[in-house]
Every structure is written in structure tokens, then in C-alpha cells.
Amino acid sequence: MGTRLVVFFDQAEKKGGIGAQVKLAMLTKMSSKKAADAPDSLENIKLFEESIAKL
């Protein structure tokens, strides 16, 4: 579960380090741990795509 969502945290780290990961967590209201346990639903993927675009 959440394998695609965790990739967004990797992308955020490449974009701006830990600060970008924290901002992604704030935008999605989901930590990387929670993302790993969450389903890779279309709704979650859309939320992460929109949030990563804001970084």
C-alpha cells in the first residue's frame, strides 16, 4: 500500500530536502509513514500530484 505515495516524498526531497518533505506533509495532511500505509487511490494520488506541483 502507498508505494506510489511514498515516491512523492522522494521527489520532494530531491526538490528541496527535508523542508520540502515537511511542506508536502502539511499540504497533504499525511506524513510519509501514513502515506506508506495509505492506499494508492486515485484521490490520494491526485492530492499528492497537486501538492508536489506547489513545491
PDB file of N, CA and C in Angstrom:
ATOM      1  N   MET A   1       0.833  -1.188   0.000  1.00  0.00           N
ATOM      2  CA  MET A   1       0.000   0.000   0.000  1.00  0.00           C
ATOM      3  C   MET A   1       0.876   1.250   0.000  1.00  0.00           C
ATOM      4  N   GLY A   2       0.412   2.267  -0.606  1.00  0.00           N
ATOM      5  CA  GLY A   2       1.070   3.555  -0.545  1.00  0.00           C
ATOM      6  C   GLY A   2       2.425   3.655  -1.212  1.00  0.00           C
ATOM      7  N   THR A   3       2.771   2.666  -2.036  1.00  0.00           N
ATOM      8  CA  THR A   3       4.098   2.710  -2.659  1.00  0.00           C
ATOM      9  C   THR A   3       4.235   3.895  -3.598  1.00  0.00           C
ATOM     10  N   ARG A   4       3.179   4.243  -4.299  1.00  0.00           N
ATOM     11  CA  ARG A   4       3.245   5.404  -5.198  1.00  0.00           C
ATOM     12  C   ARG A   4       3.270   6.711  -4.421  1.00  0.00           C
ATOM     13  N   LEU A   5       2.586   6.737  -3.282  1.00  0.00           N
ATOM     14  CA  LEU A   5       2.551   7.958  -2.486  1.00  0.00           C
ATOM     15  C   LEU A   5       3.918   8.251  -1.867  1.00  0.00           C
ATOM     16  N   VAL A   6       4.621   7.222  -1.457  1.00  0.00           N
ATOM     17  CA  VAL A   6       5.954   7.392  -0.860  1.00  0.00           C
ATOM     18  C   VAL A   6       6.924   7.988  -1.881  1.00  0.00           C
ATOM     19  N   VAL A   7       6.733   7.673  -3.142  1.00  0.00           N
ATOM     20  CA  VAL A   7       7.595   8.213  -4.201  1.00  0.00           C
ATOM     21  C   VAL A   7       7.496   9.737  -4.233  1.00  0.00           C
ATOM     22  N   PHE A   8       6.329  10.275  -3.916  1.00  0.00           N
ATOM     23  CA  PHE A   8       6.173  11.731  -3.886  1.00  0.00           C
ATOM     24  C   PHE A   8       7.062  12.355  -2.815  1.00  0.00           C
ATOM     25  N   PHE A   9       7.236  11.680  -1.691  1.00  0.00           N
ATOM     26  CA  PHE A   9       8.136  12.181  -0.658  1.00  0.00           C
ATOM     27  C   PHE A   9       9.584  12.142  -1.132  1.00  0.00           C
ATOM     28  N   ASP A  10       9.941  11.137  -1.921  1.00  0.00           N
ATOM     29  CA  ASP A  10      11.282  11.086  -2.518  1.00  0.00           C
ATOM     30  C   ASP A  10      11.482  12.250  -3.488  1.00  0.00           C
ATOM     31  N   GLN A  11      10.458  12.522  -4.285  1.00  0.00           N
ATOM     32  CA  GLN A  11      10.527  13.643  -5.229  1.00  0.00           C
ATOM     33  C   GLN A  11      10.668  14.966  -4.483  1.00  0.00           C
ATOM     34  N   ALA A  12       9.929  15.110  -3.406  1.00  0.00           N
ATOM     35  CA  ALA A  12      10.002  16.341  -2.618  1.00  0.00           C
ATOM     36  C   ALA A  12      11.399  16.520  -2.043  1.00  0.00           C
ATOM     37  N   GLU A  13      12.005  15.441  -1.575  1.00  0.00           N
ATOM     38  CA  GLU A  13      13.353  15.525  -1.030  1.00  0.00           C
ATOM     39  C   GLU A  13      14.347  15.977  -2.089  1.00  0.00           C
ATOM     40  N   LYS A  14      14.194  15.472  -3.297  1.00  0.00           N
ATOM     41  CA  LYS A  14      15.085  15.871  -4.388  1.00  0.00           C
ATOM     42  C   LYS A  14      14.883  17.336  -4.757  1.00  0.00           C
ATOM     43  N   LYS A  15      13.639  17.822  -4.624  1.00  0.00           N
ATOM     44  CA  LYS A  15      13.337  19.216  -4.962  1.00  0.00           C
ATOM     45  C   LYS A  15      13.853  20.196  -3.924  1.00  0.00           C
ATOM     46  N   GLY A  16      13.749  19.822  -2.641  1.00  0.00           N
ATOM     47  CA  GLY A  16      14.094  20.808  -1.623  1.00  0.00           C
ATOM     48  C   GLY A  16      14.456  20.250  -0.266  1.00  0.00           C
ATOM     49  N   GLY A  17      14.863  19.003  -0.232  1.00  0.00           N
ATOM     50  CA  GLY A  17      15.302  18.423   1.031  1.00  0.00           C
ATOM     51  C   GLY A  17      14.166  18.186   2.014  1.00  0.00           C
ATOM     52  N   ILE A  18      14.558  18.140   3.283  1.00  0.00           N
ATOM     53  CA  ILE A  18      13.592  17.839   4.340  1.00  0.00           C
ATOM     54  C   ILE A  18      12.504  18.903   4.435  1.00  0.00           C
ATOM     55  N   GLY A  19      12.853  20.141   4.147  1.00  0.00           N
ATOM     56  CA  GLY A  19      11.860  21.213   4.193  1.00  0.00           C
ATOM     57  C   GLY A  19      10.732  20.992   3.210  1.00  0.00           C
ATOM     58  N   ALA A  20      11.072  20.515   2.022  1.00  0.00           N
ATOM     59  CA  ALA A  20      10.048  20.230   1.015  1.00  0.00           C
ATOM     60  C   ALA A  20       9.195  19.040   1.439  1.00  0.00           C
ATOM     61  N   GLN A  21       9.808  18.075   2.098  1.00  0.00           N
ATOM     62  CA  GLN A  21       9.037  16.931   2.582  1.00  0.00           C
ATOM     63  C   GLN A  21       8.049  17.367   3.656  1.00  0.00           C
ATOM     64  N   VAL A  22       8.486  18.246   4.528  1.00  0.00           N
ATOM     65  CA  VAL A  22       7.602  18.761   5.583  1.00  0.00           C
ATOM     66  C   VAL A  22       6.443  19.534   4.955  1.00  0.00           C
ATOM     67  N   LYS A  23       6.749  20.354   3.969  1.00  0.00           N
ATOM     68  CA  LYS A  23       5.691  21.122   3.297  1.00  0.00           C
ATOM     69  C   LYS A  23       4.707  20.184   2.601  1.00  0.00           C
ATOM     70  N   LEU A  24       5.216  19.133   1.970  1.00  0.00           N
ATOM     71  CA  LEU A  24       4.335  18.147   1.320  1.00  0.00           C
ATOM     72  C   LEU A  24       3.420  17.499   2.356  1.00  0.00           C
ATOM     73  N   ALA A  25       3.973  17.153   3.497  1.00  0.00           N
ATOM     74  CA  ALA A  25       3.165  16.550   4.562  1.00  0.00           C
ATOM     75  C   ALA A  25       2.088  17.528   5.040  1.00  0.00           C
ATOM     76  N   MET A  26       2.440  18.797   5.129  1.00  0.00           N
ATOM     77  CA  MET A  26       1.460  19.803   5.552  1.00  0.00           C
ATOM     78  C   MET A  26       0.359  19.959   4.509  1.00  0.00           C
ATOM     79  N   LEU A  27       0.737  19.993   3.243  1.00  0.00           N
ATOM     80  CA  LEU A  27      -0.256  20.172   2.174  1.00  0.00           C
ATOM     81  C   LEU A  27      -1.197  18.979   2.058  1.00  0.00           C
ATOM     82  N   THR A  28      -0.661  17.787   2.242  1.00  0.00           N
ATOM     83  CA  THR A  28      -1.469  16.580   2.083  1.00  0.00           C
ATOM     84  C   THR A  28      -2.106  16.116   3.384  1.00  0.00           C
ATOM     85  N   LYS A  29      -1.642  16.712   4.508  1.00  0.00           N
ATOM     86  CA  LYS A  29      -2.090  16.286   5.837  1.00  0.00           C
ATOM     87  C   LYS A  29      -1.791  14.809   6.058  1.00  0.00           C
ATOM     88  N   MET A  30      -0.622  14.387   5.522  1.00  0.00           N
ATOM     89  CA  MET A  30      -0.230  12.985   5.612  1.00  0.00           C
ATOM     90  C   MET A  30       1.288  12.901   5.712  1.00  0.00           C
ATOM     91  N   SER A  31       1.774  12.257   6.759  1.00  0.00           N
ATOM     92  CA  SER A  31       3.212  12.051   6.908  1.00  0.00           C
ATOM     93  C   SER A  31       3.671  10.956   5.950  1.00  0.00           C
ATOM     94  N   SER A  32       4.975  10.817   5.803  1.00  0.00           N
ATOM     95  CA  SER A  32       5.486   9.760   4.922  1.00  0.00           C
ATOM     96  C   SER A  32       5.110   8.390   5.467  1.00  0.00           C
ATOM     97  N   LYS A  33       5.088   8.239   6.779  1.00  0.00           N
ATOM     98  CA  LYS A  33       4.687   6.962   7.397  1.00  0.00           C
ATOM     99  C   LYS A  33       3.225   6.657   7.092  1.00  0.00           C
ATOM    100  N   LYS A  34       2.387   7.665   7.251  1.00  0.00           N
ATOM    101  CA  LYS A  34       0.959   7.484   6.965  1.00  0.00           C
ATOM    102  C   LYS A  34       0.744   7.211   5.478  1.00  0.00           C
ATOM    103  N   ALA A  35       1.523   7.885   4.618  1.00  0.00           N
ATOM    104  CA  ALA A  35       1.409   7.671   3.174  1.00  0.00           C
ATOM    105  C   ALA A  35       1.777   6.240   2.807  1.00  0.00           C
ATOM    106  N   ALA A  36       2.760   5.684   3.496  1.00  0.00           N
ATOM    107  CA  ALA A  36       3.170   4.301   3.218  1.00  0.00           C
ATOM    108  C   ALA A  36       2.052   3.319   3.554  1.00  0.00           C
ATOM    109  N   ASP A  37       1.217   3.672   4.531  1.00  0.00           N
ATOM    110  CA  ASP A  37       0.121   2.800   4.943  1.00  0.00           C
ATOM    111  C   ASP A  37      -1.187   3.092   4.218  1.00  0.00           C
ATOM    112  N   ALA A  38      -1.265   4.249   3.562  1.00  0.00           N
ATOM    113  CA  ALA A  38      -2.499   4.656   2.878  1.00  0.00           C
ATOM    114  C   ALA A  38      -2.609   3.976   1.510  1.00  0.00           C
ATOM    115  N   PRO A  39      -3.825   3.809   1.028  1.00  0.00           N
ATOM    116  CA  PRO A  39      -3.995   3.204  -0.296  1.00  0.00           C
ATOM    117  C   PRO A  39      -3.572   4.159  -1.415  1.00  0.00           C
ATOM    118  N   ASP A  40      -3.086   3.602  -2.498  1.00  0.00           N
ATOM    119  CA  ASP A  40      -2.723   4.385  -3.681  1.00  0.00           C
ATOM    120  C   ASP A  40      -3.978   4.655  -4.518  1.00  0.00           C
ATOM    121  N   SER A  41      -4.966   5.268  -3.888  1.00  0.00           N
ATOM    122  CA  SER A  41      -6.219   5.538  -4.583  1.00  0.00           C
ATOM    123  C   SER A  41      -6.036   6.717  -5.538  1.00  0.00           C
ATOM    124  N   LEU A  42      -6.926   6.827  -6.492  1.00  0.00           N
ATOM    125  CA  LEU A  42      -6.869   7.944  -7.439  1.00  0.00           C
ATOM    126  C   LEU A  42      -6.986   9.275  -6.707  1.00  0.00           C
ATOM    127  N   GLU A  43      -7.802   9.313  -5.685  1.00  0.00           N
ATOM    128  CA  GLU A  43      -7.985  10.543  -4.901  1.00  0.00           C
ATOM    129  C   GLU A  43      -6.677  10.941  -4.201  1.00  0.00           C
ATOM    130  N   ASN A  44      -6.016   9.982  -3.573  1.00  0.00           N
ATOM    131  CA  ASN A  44      -4.751  10.272  -2.886  1.00  0.00           C
ATOM    132  C   ASN A  44      -3.659  10.671  -3.874  1.00  0.00           C
ATOM    133  N   ILE A  45      -3.585   9.992  -4.984  1.00  0.00           N
ATOM    134  CA  ILE A  45      -2.559  10.310  -5.989  1.00  0.00           C
ATOM    135  C   ILE A  45      -2.786  11.721  -6.527  1.00  0.00           C
ATOM    136  N   LYS A  46      -4.036  12.068  -6.784  1.00  0.00           N
ATOM    137  CA  LYS A  46      -4.345  13.421  -7.280  1.00  0.00           C
ATOM    138  C   LYS A  46      -3.937  14.471  -6.250  1.00  0.00           C
ATOM    139  N   LEU A  47      -4.249  14.221  -4.986  1.00  0.00           N
ATOM    140  CA  LEU A  47      -3.880  15.150  -3.918  1.00  0.00           C
ATOM    141  C   LEU A  47      -2.361  15.345  -3.879  1.00  0.00           C
ATOM    142  N   PHE A  48      -1.610  14.265  -3.974  1.00  0.00           N
ATOM    143  CA  PHE A  48      -0.155  14.363  -3.929  1.00  0.00           C
ATOM    144  C   PHE A  48       0.402  15.036  -5.178  1.00  0.00           C
ATOM    145  N   GLU A  49      -0.164  14.753  -6.337  1.00  0.00           N
ATOM    146  CA  GLU A  49       0.304  15.405  -7.570  1.00  0.00           C
ATOM    147  C   GLU A  49       0.086  16.920  -7.483  1.00  0.00           C
ATOM    148  N   GLU A  50      -1.064  17.326  -7.019  1.00  0.00           N
ATOM    149  CA  GLU A  50      -1.356  18.759  -6.893  1.00  0.00           C
ATOM    150  C   GLU A  50      -0.443  19.407  -5.854  1.00  0.00           C
ATOM    151  N   SER A  51      -0.173  18.701  -4.785  1.00  0.00           N
ATOM    152  CA  SER A  51       0.657  19.243  -3.710  1.00  0.00           C
ATOM    153  C   SER A  51       2.117  19.336  -4.130  1.00  0.00           C
ATOM    154  N   ILE A  52       2.619  18.339  -4.831  1.00  0.00           N
ATOM    155  CA  ILE A  52       4.028  18.361  -5.258  1.00  0.00           C
ATOM    156  C   ILE A  52       4.244  19.479  -6.283  1.00  0.00           C
ATOM    157  N   ALA A  53       3.209  19.785  -7.049  1.00  0.00           N
ATOM    158  CA  ALA A  53       3.319  20.872  -8.040  1.00  0.00           C
ATOM    159  C   ALA A  53       3.460  22.225  -7.344  1.00  0.00           C
ATOM    160  N   LYS A  54       2.969  22.349  -6.130  1.00  0.00           N
ATOM    161  CA  LYS A  54       3.059  23.595  -5.379  1.00  0.00           C
ATOM    162  C   LYS A  54       4.428  23.813  -4.742  1.00  0.00           C
ATOM    163  N   LEU A  55       5.236  22.779  -4.671  1.00  0.00           N
ATOM    164  CA  LEU A  55       6.544  22.907  -4.024  1.00  0.00           C
ATOM    165  C   LEU A  55       7.516  23.690  -4.892  1.00  0.00           C
TER     166      LEU A  55
END
